Amino acid sequence: MLKVNQTNKKFSLRLVLTLIIIISILNLLAHEPVIPILGFHGIVNSKTPTSQLLEMHYPQQNLEKTLEYLVRNNYWFLTTQDLYDFFLKKSQKIPKTYSNQKPIMISFDDGYKTVDTNLLPILSKLEQKYGKKVKVVLFINPGIMERKGSTSSTHLGCQELRKGLKKGFYDIQSHGLNHKDLTTLTRQELVKELQQAQIKLRQCTQDLDPQQKVASHIAYPYGAYNKQVQQYASKYYLSSYLYNNRILNHGCLKNYYEIPRIPINRQISFQQTLEIAEGFHQIKSQDKCDES
């Protein structure tokens, strides 16, 4: 009888220890310093002309389902400045409002007109339905924005940017002046692409952006960069984003001018998009920080 009791005690102790280990592992996973940064381009629907159905664009219906899922599952939609202040520089403490929320960044490159026609209505609808504002990052090329009076442009104009910014949905950042491969430019051309993009975006939004958060960060066109591009980008911007199909582990990131993003396009299903948003994308490769 004594042996049976001792055996039961040992079994109970092992069970308790096993449960403690499992809970500890789950807790570590829950606090893994990873932030998915999703990169979209245009948003297409059933009315989109066949000529505009580019592979890099994403279906409106899937985007709405994705954003609604994220809202319902308590995600924190980061701006570029949020990421910089709270997770990279750690110059500010995370507000209690966000302490139990899962951070994510949703970005859109190139400033396609469909951001206004197909995305903005979704953002307004979700705010009305859930009382939560979904903030998205727009990486804009002001050199190819729609000009005043034009009605045929496929890209946003200044007034459309201002509309979304005024409503609190848009975080407007730079994508270079004319969407050029920055690695192919002379120093003079590079400076123009970086500096003029910032100037023009801030001119468009100056009365709505007293703290000049607009165009404080940049995404490299085509994801192309080198040491010279980084060097000059650091003169005008606080951080830079690229496309390398990796999830951000902010506990490992040493270079604020190499922030990773994951491109999302028509070839990625709704379910795959959710898995990426949940942080399962290449999570094994992020278990340890790169030595480089």
C-alpha atoms as a PDB file:
ATOM      1  CA  MET A   1       0.000   0.000   0.000  1.00  0.00           C
ATOM      2  CA  LEU A   2       2.864   2.327   0.868  1.00  0.00           C
ATOM      3  CA  LYS A   3       4.516   1.630  -2.496  1.00  0.00           C
ATOM      4  CA  VAL A   4       1.262   2.409  -4.321  1.00  0.00           C
ATOM      5  CA  ASN A   5       0.949   5.766  -2.530  1.00  0.00           C
ATOM      6  CA  GLN A   6       4.551   6.648  -3.333  1.00  0.00           C
ATOM      7  CA  THR A   7       3.996   5.713  -6.979  1.00  0.00           C
ATOM      8  CA  ASN A   8       0.858   7.881  -7.120  1.00  0.00           C
ATOM      9  CA  LYS A   9       2.717  10.795  -5.548  1.00  0.00           C
ATOM     10  CA  LYS A  10       5.545  10.481  -8.081  1.00  0.00           C
ATOM     11  CA  PHE A  11       3.032  10.326 -10.930  1.00  0.00           C
ATOM     12  CA  SER A  12       1.191  13.387  -9.616  1.00  0.00           C
ATOM     13  CA  LEU A  13       4.456  15.289  -9.253  1.00  0.00           C
ATOM     14  CA  ARG A  14       5.486  14.415 -12.807  1.00  0.00           C
ATOM     15  CA  LEU A  15       2.065  15.486 -14.076  1.00  0.00           C
ATOM     16  CA  VAL A  16       2.325  18.828 -12.277  1.00  0.00           C
ATOM     17  CA  LEU A  17       5.844  19.410 -13.613  1.00  0.00           C
ATOM     18  CA  THR A  18       4.711  18.509 -17.137  1.00  0.00           C
ATOM     19  CA  LEU A  19       1.810  20.962 -16.906  1.00  0.00           C
ATOM     20  CA  ILE A  20       4.141  23.690 -15.637  1.00  0.00           C
ATOM     21  CA  ILE A  21       6.499  23.106 -18.568  1.00  0.00           C
ATOM     22  CA  ILE A  22       3.624  23.171 -21.088  1.00  0.00           C
ATOM     23  CA  ILE A  23       2.207  26.381 -19.617  1.00  0.00           C
ATOM     24  CA  SER A  24       5.669  27.965 -19.641  1.00  0.00           C
ATOM     25  CA  ILE A  25       6.172  27.070 -23.310  1.00  0.00           C
ATOM     26  CA  LEU A  26       2.756  28.453 -24.251  1.00  0.00           C
ATOM     27  CA  ASN A  27       3.503  31.619 -22.321  1.00  0.00           C
ATOM     28  CA  LEU A  28       6.807  32.056 -24.147  1.00  0.00           C
ATOM     29  CA  LEU A  29       5.105  31.562 -27.499  1.00  0.00           C
ATOM     30  CA  ALA A  30       2.439  34.092 -26.585  1.00  0.00           C
ATOM     31  CA  HIS A  31       5.135  36.662 -25.858  1.00  0.00           C
ATOM     32  CA  GLU A  32       7.373  35.828 -28.812  1.00  0.00           C
ATOM     33  CA  PRO A  33       8.640  39.217 -30.052  1.00  0.00           C
ATOM     34  CA  VAL A  34       7.310  38.765 -33.573  1.00  0.00           C
ATOM     35  CA  ILE A  35       5.146  41.194 -35.516  1.00  0.00           C
ATOM     36  CA  PRO A  36       3.721  40.263 -38.916  1.00  0.00           C
ATOM     37  CA  ILE A  37       3.966  43.155 -41.393  1.00  0.00           C
ATOM     38  CA  LEU A  38       1.749  42.428 -44.384  1.00  0.00           C
ATOM     39  CA  GLY A  39       2.336  44.212 -47.680  1.00  0.00           C
ATOM     40  CA  PHE A  40      -0.518  44.664 -50.155  1.00  0.00           C
ATOM     41  CA  HIS A  41      -0.835  46.677 -53.376  1.00  0.00           C
ATOM     42  CA  GLY A  42      -4.140  47.264 -55.168  1.00  0.00           C
ATOM     43  CA  ILE A  43      -7.504  45.879 -54.023  1.00  0.00           C
ATOM     44  CA  VAL A  44      -9.608  44.291 -56.768  1.00  0.00           C
ATOM     45  CA  ASN A  45     -13.238  43.199 -56.931  1.00  0.00           C
ATOM     46  CA  SER A  46     -15.637  41.619 -59.429  1.00  0.00           C
ATOM     47  CA  LYS A  47     -16.015  44.948 -61.247  1.00  0.00           C
ATOM     48  CA  THR A  48     -12.273  45.423 -61.787  1.00  0.00           C
ATOM     49  CA  PRO A  49     -11.368  45.401 -65.519  1.00  0.00           C
ATOM     50  CA  THR A  50      -9.411  42.336 -66.614  1.00  0.00           C
ATOM     51  CA  SER A  51      -6.555  44.591 -67.731  1.00  0.00           C
ATOM     52  CA  GLN A  52      -6.076  45.695 -64.106  1.00  0.00           C
ATOM     53  CA  LEU A  53      -6.136  42.216 -62.537  1.00  0.00           C
ATOM     54  CA  LEU A  54      -2.437  42.133 -61.751  1.00  0.00           C
ATOM     55  CA  GLU A  55      -1.040  39.239 -59.729  1.00  0.00           C
ATOM     56  CA  MET A  56       0.225  41.553 -56.987  1.00  0.00           C
ATOM     57  CA  HIS A  57      -3.299  42.842 -56.217  1.00  0.00           C
ATOM     58  CA  TYR A  58      -5.603  41.224 -53.646  1.00  0.00           C
ATOM     59  CA  PRO A  59      -9.357  40.425 -53.668  1.00  0.00           C
ATOM     60  CA  GLN A  60     -11.535  42.890 -51.772  1.00  0.00           C
ATOM     61  CA  GLN A  61     -13.717  40.135 -50.322  1.00  0.00           C
ATOM     62  CA  ASN A  62     -10.738  38.310 -48.797  1.00  0.00           C
ATOM     63  CA  LEU A  63      -9.295  41.540 -47.442  1.00  0.00           C
ATOM     64  CA  GLU A  64     -12.546  42.427 -45.694  1.00  0.00           C
ATOM     65  CA  LYS A  65     -12.748  38.964 -44.110  1.00  0.00           C
ATOM     66  CA  THR A  66      -9.109  39.219 -43.011  1.00  0.00           C
ATOM     67  CA  LEU A  67      -9.487  42.647 -41.417  1.00  0.00           C
ATOM     68  CA  GLU A  68     -12.732  41.674 -39.690  1.00  0.00           C
ATOM     69  CA  TYR A  69     -11.060  38.571 -38.274  1.00  0.00           C
ATOM     70  CA  LEU A  70      -8.207  40.695 -36.920  1.00  0.00           C
ATOM     71  CA  VAL A  71     -10.605  43.199 -35.352  1.00  0.00           C
ATOM     72  CA  ARG A  72     -12.658  40.461 -33.694  1.00  0.00           C
ATOM     73  CA  ASN A  73      -9.521  38.753 -32.390  1.00  0.00           C
ATOM     74  CA  ASN A  74      -8.146  41.811 -30.616  1.00  0.00           C
ATOM     75  CA  TYR A  75      -5.299  42.889 -32.893  1.00  0.00           C
ATOM     76  CA  TRP A  76      -3.493  46.199 -32.568  1.00  0.00           C
ATOM     77  CA  PHE A  77      -3.054  47.821 -35.977  1.00  0.00           C
ATOM     78  CA  LEU A  78       0.333  49.521 -35.784  1.00  0.00           C
ATOM     79  CA  THR A  79       1.438  52.665 -37.548  1.00  0.00           C
ATOM     80  CA  THR A  80       5.075  52.997 -38.568  1.00  0.00           C
ATOM     81  CA  GLN A  81       5.631  55.374 -35.661  1.00  0.00           C
ATOM     82  CA  ASP A  82       4.012  52.926 -33.226  1.00  0.00           C
ATOM     83  CA  LEU A  83       6.430  50.215 -34.317  1.00  0.00           C
ATOM     84  CA  TYR A  84       9.379  52.578 -34.067  1.00  0.00           C
ATOM     85  CA  ASP A  85       8.510  54.055 -30.651  1.00  0.00           C
ATOM     86  CA  PHE A  86       7.130  51.025 -28.808  1.00  0.00           C
ATOM     87  CA  PHE A  87       9.030  48.069 -30.273  1.00  0.00           C
ATOM     88  CA  LEU A  88      12.227  49.217 -31.985  1.00  0.00           C
ATOM     89  CA  LYS A  89      13.537  52.187 -30.015  1.00  0.00           C
ATOM     90  CA  LYS A  90      11.364  51.334 -26.992  1.00  0.00           C
ATOM     91  CA  SER A  91      11.338  55.061 -26.219  1.00  0.00           C
ATOM     92  CA  GLN A  92       7.752  54.849 -24.976  1.00  0.00           C
ATOM     93  CA  LYS A  93       5.873  52.356 -22.842  1.00  0.00           C
ATOM     94  CA  ILE A  94       3.052  50.474 -24.490  1.00  0.00           C
ATOM     95  CA  PRO A  95      -0.255  52.007 -23.301  1.00  0.00           C
ATOM     96  CA  LYS A  96      -2.421  49.758 -21.131  1.00  0.00           C
ATOM     97  CA  THR A  97      -5.098  49.935 -23.825  1.00  0.00           C
ATOM     98  CA  TYR A  98      -2.866  47.848 -26.084  1.00  0.00           C
ATOM     99  CA  SER A  99      -1.057  45.690 -23.526  1.00  0.00           C
ATOM    100  CA  ASN A 100      -3.167  42.586 -24.192  1.00  0.00           C
ATOM    101  CA  GLN A 101      -3.533  43.095 -27.929  1.00  0.00           C
ATOM    102  CA  LYS A 102      -1.567  41.344 -30.663  1.00  0.00           C
ATOM    103  CA  PRO A 103       0.411  43.792 -32.830  1.00  0.00           C
ATOM    104  CA  ILE A 104       0.277  43.665 -36.608  1.00  0.00           C
ATOM    105  CA  MET A 105       0.958  46.104 -39.439  1.00  0.00           C
ATOM    106  CA  ILE A 106      -1.093  46.271 -42.630  1.00  0.00           C
ATOM    107  CA  SER A 107       0.589  48.205 -45.451  1.00  0.00           C
ATOM    108  CA  PHE A 108      -0.300  49.129 -49.032  1.00  0.00           C
ATOM    109  CA  ASP A 109       2.302  50.138 -51.607  1.00  0.00           C
ATOM    110  CA  ASP A 110       2.144  52.464 -54.624  1.00  0.00           C
ATOM    111  CA  GLY A 111      -1.066  54.318 -53.729  1.00  0.00           C
ATOM    112  CA  TYR A 112      -3.492  52.674 -56.118  1.00  0.00           C
ATOM    113  CA  LYS A 113      -6.900  54.324 -56.547  1.00  0.00           C
ATOM    114  CA  THR A 114      -8.542  51.140 -55.233  1.00  0.00           C
ATOM    115  CA  VAL A 115      -7.296  52.041 -51.756  1.00  0.00           C
ATOM    116  CA  ASP A 116      -9.907  54.801 -51.823  1.00  0.00           C
ATOM    117  CA  THR A 117     -12.643  52.949 -53.715  1.00  0.00           C
ATOM    118  CA  ASN A 118     -12.301  49.421 -52.291  1.00  0.00           C
ATOM    119  CA  LEU A 119     -10.385  49.695 -48.998  1.00  0.00           C
ATOM    120  CA  LEU A 120     -11.641  52.875 -47.340  1.00  0.00           C
ATOM    121  CA  PRO A 121     -15.292  51.699 -47.365  1.00  0.00           C
ATOM    122  CA  ILE A 122     -14.199  48.517 -45.550  1.00  0.00           C
ATOM    123  CA  LEU A 123     -12.386  50.529 -42.882  1.00  0.00           C
ATOM    124  CA  SER A 124     -15.430  52.752 -42.346  1.00  0.00           C
ATOM    125  CA  LYS A 125     -17.741  49.734 -42.210  1.00  0.00           C
ATOM    126  CA  LEU A 126     -15.608  47.971 -39.586  1.00  0.00           C
ATOM    127  CA  GLU A 127     -15.447  51.103 -37.443  1.00  0.00           C
ATOM    128  CA  GLN A 128     -19.234  51.434 -37.516  1.00  0.00           C
ATOM    129  CA  LYS A 129     -19.743  47.742 -36.750  1.00  0.00           C
ATOM    130  CA  TYR A 130     -17.132  47.237 -34.017  1.00  0.00           C
ATOM    131  CA  GLY A 131     -16.266  50.746 -32.843  1.00  0.00           C
ATOM    132  CA  LYS A 132     -12.607  50.121 -33.636  1.00  0.00           C
ATOM    133  CA  LYS A 133     -10.476  52.065 -36.077  1.00  0.00           C
ATOM    134  CA  VAL A 134      -8.294  49.955 -38.351  1.00  0.00           C
ATOM    135  CA  LYS A 135      -5.163  51.921 -39.242  1.00  0.00           C
ATOM    136  CA  VAL A 136      -3.267  51.053 -42.403  1.00  0.00           C
ATOM    137  CA  VAL A 137       0.096  52.238 -43.701  1.00  0.00           C
ATOM    138  CA  LEU A 138       0.248  53.706 -47.208  1.00  0.00           C
ATOM    139  CA  PHE A 139       3.664  53.834 -48.869  1.00  0.00           C
ATOM    140  CA  ILE A 140       3.174  56.510 -51.521  1.00  0.00           C
ATOM    141  CA  ASN A 141       5.099  57.778 -54.564  1.00  0.00           C
ATOM    142  CA  PRO A 142       4.037  61.451 -54.775  1.00  0.00           C
ATOM    143  CA  GLY A 143       5.621  61.805 -58.215  1.00  0.00           C
ATOM    144  CA  ILE A 144       2.982  59.523 -59.731  1.00  0.00           C
ATOM    145  CA  MET A 145      -0.017  60.644 -57.689  1.00  0.00           C
ATOM    146  CA  GLU A 146      -3.129  61.710 -59.543  1.00  0.00           C
ATOM    147  CA  ARG A 147      -2.890  65.341 -60.575  1.00  0.00           C
ATOM    148  CA  LYS A 148      -5.605  67.822 -59.695  1.00  0.00           C
ATOM    149  CA  GLY A 149      -8.400  67.803 -62.263  1.00  0.00           C
ATOM    150  CA  SER A 150      -7.494  64.405 -63.700  1.00  0.00           C
ATOM    151  CA  THR A 151     -10.145  61.679 -63.812  1.00  0.00           C
ATOM    152  CA  SER A 152      -8.259  58.852 -65.517  1.00  0.00           C
ATOM    153  CA  SER A 153      -5.427  58.159 -63.083  1.00  0.00           C
ATOM    154  CA  THR A 154      -5.067  54.707 -61.524  1.00  0.00           C
ATOM    155  CA  HIS A 155      -3.411  56.270 -58.474  1.00  0.00           C
ATOM    156  CA  LEU A 156      -4.592  58.288 -55.494  1.00  0.00           C
ATOM    157  CA  GLY A 157      -4.493  62.055 -55.468  1.00  0.00           C
ATOM    158  CA  CYS A 158      -3.615  64.379 -52.608  1.00  0.00           C
ATOM    159  CA  GLN A 159      -7.260  65.009 -51.680  1.00  0.00           C
ATOM    160  CA  GLU A 160      -7.937  61.285 -51.338  1.00  0.00           C
ATOM    161  CA  LEU A 161      -4.917  60.891 -49.085  1.00  0.00           C
ATOM    162  CA  ARG A 162      -6.101  63.810 -46.977  1.00  0.00           C
ATOM    163  CA  LYS A 163      -9.586  62.306 -46.689  1.00  0.00           C
ATOM    164  CA  GLY A 164      -8.319  59.033 -45.215  1.00  0.00           C
ATOM    165  CA  LEU A 165      -5.780  60.810 -43.009  1.00  0.00           C
ATOM    166  CA  LYS A 166      -8.421  63.167 -41.622  1.00  0.00           C
ATOM    167  CA  LYS A 167     -10.634  60.194 -40.760  1.00  0.00           C
ATOM    168  CA  GLY A 168      -7.747  58.608 -38.871  1.00  0.00           C
ATOM    169  CA  PHE A 169      -7.367  55.522 -41.061  1.00  0.00           C
ATOM    170  CA  TYR A 170      -4.170  56.312 -42.967  1.00  0.00           C
ATOM    171  CA  ASP A 171      -0.534  56.433 -41.922  1.00  0.00           C
ATOM    172  CA  ILE A 172       1.057  58.049 -44.971  1.00  0.00           C
ATOM    173  CA  GLN A 173       4.704  57.217 -45.591  1.00  0.00           C
ATOM    174  CA  SER A 174       7.224  57.438 -48.431  1.00  0.00           C
ATOM    175  CA  HIS A 175       7.874  54.975 -51.235  1.00  0.00           C
ATOM    176  CA  GLY A 176      10.308  57.226 -53.070  1.00  0.00           C
ATOM    177  CA  LEU A 177       9.326  60.001 -55.478  1.00  0.00           C
ATOM    178  CA  ASN A 178       8.778  58.028 -58.692  1.00  0.00           C
ATOM    179  CA  HIS A 179       9.032  54.352 -57.701  1.00  0.00           C
ATOM    180  CA  LYS A 180      12.555  53.927 -59.067  1.00  0.00           C
ATOM    181  CA  ASP A 181      15.021  51.209 -58.149  1.00  0.00           C
ATOM    182  CA  LEU A 182      17.119  53.237 -55.711  1.00  0.00           C
ATOM    183  CA  THR A 183      20.162  51.004 -56.154  1.00  0.00           C
ATOM    184  CA  THR A 184      20.531  52.074 -59.803  1.00  0.00           C
ATOM    185  CA  LEU A 185      20.621  55.834 -59.195  1.00  0.00           C
ATOM    186  CA  THR A 186      23.471  58.306 -58.923  1.00  0.00           C
ATOM    187  CA  ARG A 187      23.872  59.984 -55.548  1.00  0.00           C
ATOM    188  CA  GLN A 188      22.188  63.126 -56.842  1.00  0.00           C
ATOM    189  CA  GLU A 189      19.239  61.154 -58.225  1.00  0.00           C
ATOM    190  CA  LEU A 190      18.994  59.141 -55.003  1.00  0.00           C
ATOM    191  CA  VAL A 191      18.838  62.266 -52.857  1.00  0.00           C
ATOM    192  CA  LYS A 192      16.095  63.666 -55.090  1.00  0.00           C
ATOM    193  CA  GLU A 193      14.004  60.489 -54.820  1.00  0.00           C
ATOM    194  CA  LEU A 194      14.301  60.435 -51.033  1.00  0.00           C
ATOM    195  CA  GLN A 195      14.110  64.129 -50.229  1.00  0.00           C
ATOM    196  CA  GLN A 196      11.473  65.255 -52.732  1.00  0.00           C
ATOM    197  CA  ALA A 197       9.148  62.388 -51.798  1.00  0.00           C
ATOM    198  CA  GLN A 198       9.205  63.551 -48.201  1.00  0.00           C
ATOM    199  CA  ILE A 199       8.745  67.217 -49.098  1.00  0.00           C
ATOM    200  CA  LYS A 200       5.789  66.627 -51.433  1.00  0.00           C
ATOM    201  CA  LEU A 201       3.935  64.285 -49.079  1.00  0.00           C
ATOM    202  CA  ARG A 202       4.308  66.750 -46.224  1.00  0.00           C
ATOM    203  CA  GLN A 203       3.161  69.609 -48.428  1.00  0.00           C
ATOM    204  CA  CYS A 204       0.017  67.634 -49.220  1.00  0.00           C
ATOM    205  CA  THR A 205      -0.781  66.943 -45.557  1.00  0.00           C
ATOM    206  CA  GLN A 206       0.936  69.740 -43.628  1.00  0.00           C
ATOM    207  CA  ASP A 207      -2.162  71.227 -41.928  1.00  0.00           C
ATOM    208  CA  LEU A 208      -3.286  67.730 -40.857  1.00  0.00           C
ATOM    209  CA  ASP A 209       0.126  66.630 -39.600  1.00  0.00           C
ATOM    210  CA  PRO A 210       1.577  69.186 -37.154  1.00  0.00           C
ATOM    211  CA  GLN A 211       4.053  66.645 -35.713  1.00  0.00           C
ATOM    212  CA  GLN A 212       5.318  65.725 -39.201  1.00  0.00           C
ATOM    213  CA  LYS A 213       4.772  62.005 -38.792  1.00  0.00           C
ATOM    214  CA  VAL A 214       3.934  61.790 -42.490  1.00  0.00           C
ATOM    215  CA  ALA A 215       6.906  60.620 -44.579  1.00  0.00           C
ATOM    216  CA  SER A 216       9.082  59.844 -41.557  1.00  0.00           C
ATOM    217  CA  HIS A 217       9.581  56.267 -42.772  1.00  0.00           C
ATOM    218  CA  ILE A 218      10.097  54.713 -46.206  1.00  0.00           C
ATOM    219  CA  ALA A 219       9.592  51.421 -48.042  1.00  0.00           C
ATOM    220  CA  TYR A 220      12.193  50.739 -50.715  1.00  0.00           C
ATOM    221  CA  PRO A 221      10.608  50.468 -54.186  1.00  0.00           C
ATOM    222  CA  TYR A 222      10.881  46.841 -55.368  1.00  0.00           C
ATOM    223  CA  GLY A 223      12.441  46.097 -51.975  1.00  0.00           C
ATOM    224  CA  ALA A 224      15.801  47.031 -53.543  1.00  0.00           C
ATOM    225  CA  TYR A 225      18.512  48.534 -51.360  1.00  0.00           C
ATOM    226  CA  ASN A 226      22.255  48.541 -50.699  1.00  0.00           C
ATOM    227  CA  LYS A 227      24.621  50.268 -48.280  1.00  0.00           C
ATOM    228  CA  GLN A 228      24.492  53.561 -50.151  1.00  0.00           C
ATOM    229  CA  VAL A 229      20.689  53.553 -50.218  1.00  0.00           C
ATOM    230  CA  GLN A 230      20.585  52.818 -46.485  1.00  0.00           C
ATOM    231  CA  GLN A 231      23.114  55.540 -45.776  1.00  0.00           C
ATOM    232  CA  TYR A 232      21.107  58.207 -47.578  1.00  0.00           C
ATOM    233  CA  ALA A 233      17.741  56.929 -46.357  1.00  0.00           C
ATOM    234  CA  SER A 234      18.964  57.408 -42.793  1.00  0.00           C
ATOM    235  CA  LYS A 235      19.479  61.125 -43.484  1.00  0.00           C
ATOM    236  CA  TYR A 236      15.770  61.655 -44.151  1.00  0.00           C
ATOM    237  CA  TYR A 237      13.881  58.770 -42.552  1.00  0.00           C
ATOM    238  CA  LEU A 238      13.728  57.045 -39.163  1.00  0.00           C
ATOM    239  CA  SER A 239      13.360  53.554 -40.622  1.00  0.00           C
ATOM    240  CA  SER A 240      12.986  51.648 -43.890  1.00  0.00           C
ATOM    241  CA  TYR A 241      10.889  48.680 -44.974  1.00  0.00           C
ATOM    242  CA  LEU A 242      11.650  46.021 -47.555  1.00  0.00           C
ATOM    243  CA  TYR A 243      10.135  42.835 -48.983  1.00  0.00           C
ATOM    244  CA  ASN A 244      11.990  39.694 -47.934  1.00  0.00           C
ATOM    245  CA  ASN A 245       9.090  37.373 -47.119  1.00  0.00           C
ATOM    246  CA  ARG A 246      10.015  37.227 -43.440  1.00  0.00           C
ATOM    247  CA  ILE A 247       8.237  38.043 -40.220  1.00  0.00           C
ATOM    248  CA  LEU A 248       9.691  40.754 -37.980  1.00  0.00           C
ATOM    249  CA  ASN A 249      11.350  39.550 -34.786  1.00  0.00           C
ATOM    250  CA  HIS A 250      11.872  42.904 -33.112  1.00  0.00           C
ATOM    251  CA  GLY A 251      13.909  41.285 -30.374  1.00  0.00           C
ATOM    252  CA  CYS A 252      16.554  40.498 -32.987  1.00  0.00           C
ATOM    253  CA  LEU A 253      16.360  43.441 -35.379  1.00  0.00           C
ATOM    254  CA  LYS A 254      19.529  45.527 -35.234  1.00  0.00           C
ATOM    255  CA  ASN A 255      19.153  47.610 -38.377  1.00  0.00           C
ATOM    256  CA  TYR A 256      16.061  49.842 -38.522  1.00  0.00           C
ATOM    257  CA  TYR A 257      16.619  50.238 -42.268  1.00  0.00           C
ATOM    258  CA  GLU A 258      15.956  46.553 -42.952  1.00  0.00           C
ATOM    259  CA  ILE A 259      12.483  46.001 -41.514  1.00  0.00           C
ATOM    260  CA  PRO A 260      11.029  42.837 -43.088  1.00  0.00           C
ATOM    261  CA  ARG A 261       7.626  42.583 -44.737  1.00  0.00           C
ATOM    262  CA  ILE A 262       5.623  39.735 -46.219  1.00  0.00           C
ATOM    263  CA  PRO A 263       4.025  40.388 -49.635  1.00  0.00           C
ATOM    264  CA  ILE A 264       0.368  39.385 -49.946  1.00  0.00           C
ATOM    265  CA  ASN A 265      -1.102  38.897 -53.423  1.00  0.00           C
ATOM    266  CA  ARG A 266      -3.820  37.063 -55.367  1.00  0.00           C
ATOM    267  CA  GLN A 267      -1.923  33.769 -55.138  1.00  0.00           C
ATOM    268  CA  ILE A 268      -2.252  33.725 -51.348  1.00  0.00           C
ATOM    269  CA  SER A 269      -5.571  32.368 -50.096  1.00  0.00           C
ATOM    270  CA  PHE A 270      -7.659  33.856 -47.309  1.00  0.00           C
ATOM    271  CA  GLN A 271      -6.634  31.003 -44.982  1.00  0.00           C
ATOM    272  CA  GLN A 272      -2.952  31.487 -45.793  1.00  0.00           C
ATOM    273  CA  THR A 273      -3.301  35.205 -45.096  1.00  0.00           C
ATOM    274  CA  LEU A 274      -4.740  34.421 -41.665  1.00  0.00           C
ATOM    275  CA  GLU A 275      -1.883  32.034 -40.898  1.00  0.00           C
ATOM    276  CA  ILE A 276       0.620  34.747 -41.794  1.00  0.00           C
ATOM    277  CA  ALA A 277      -1.259  37.273 -39.662  1.00  0.00           C
ATOM    278  CA  GLU A 278      -1.221  34.841 -36.737  1.00  0.00           C
ATOM    279  CA  GLY A 279       2.564  34.762 -36.935  1.00  0.00           C
ATOM    280  CA  PHE A 280       2.982  31.199 -38.196  1.00  0.00           C
ATOM    281  CA  HIS A 281       4.859  32.300 -41.324  1.00  0.00           C
ATOM    282  CA  GLN A 282       8.437  30.949 -41.201  1.00  0.00           C
ATOM    283  CA  ILE A 283       8.226  30.983 -37.405  1.00  0.00           C
ATOM    284  CA  LYS A 284      10.865  28.223 -37.150  1.00  0.00           C
ATOM    285  CA  SER A 285      13.444  30.382 -38.889  1.00  0.00           C
ATOM    286  CA  GLN A 286      12.847  33.074 -36.303  1.00  0.00           C
ATOM    287  CA  ASP A 287      13.472  30.900 -33.234  1.00  0.00           C
ATOM    288  CA  LYS A 288      17.025  32.210 -33.065  1.00  0.00           C
ATOM    289  CA  CYS A 289      18.353  35.582 -34.067  1.00  0.00           C
ATOM    290  CA  ASP A 290      20.545  35.685 -37.152  1.00  0.00           C
ATOM    291  CA  GLU A 291      24.212  36.045 -36.358  1.00  0.00           C
ATOM    292  CA  SER A 292      24.775  38.517 -39.203  1.00  0.00           C
END
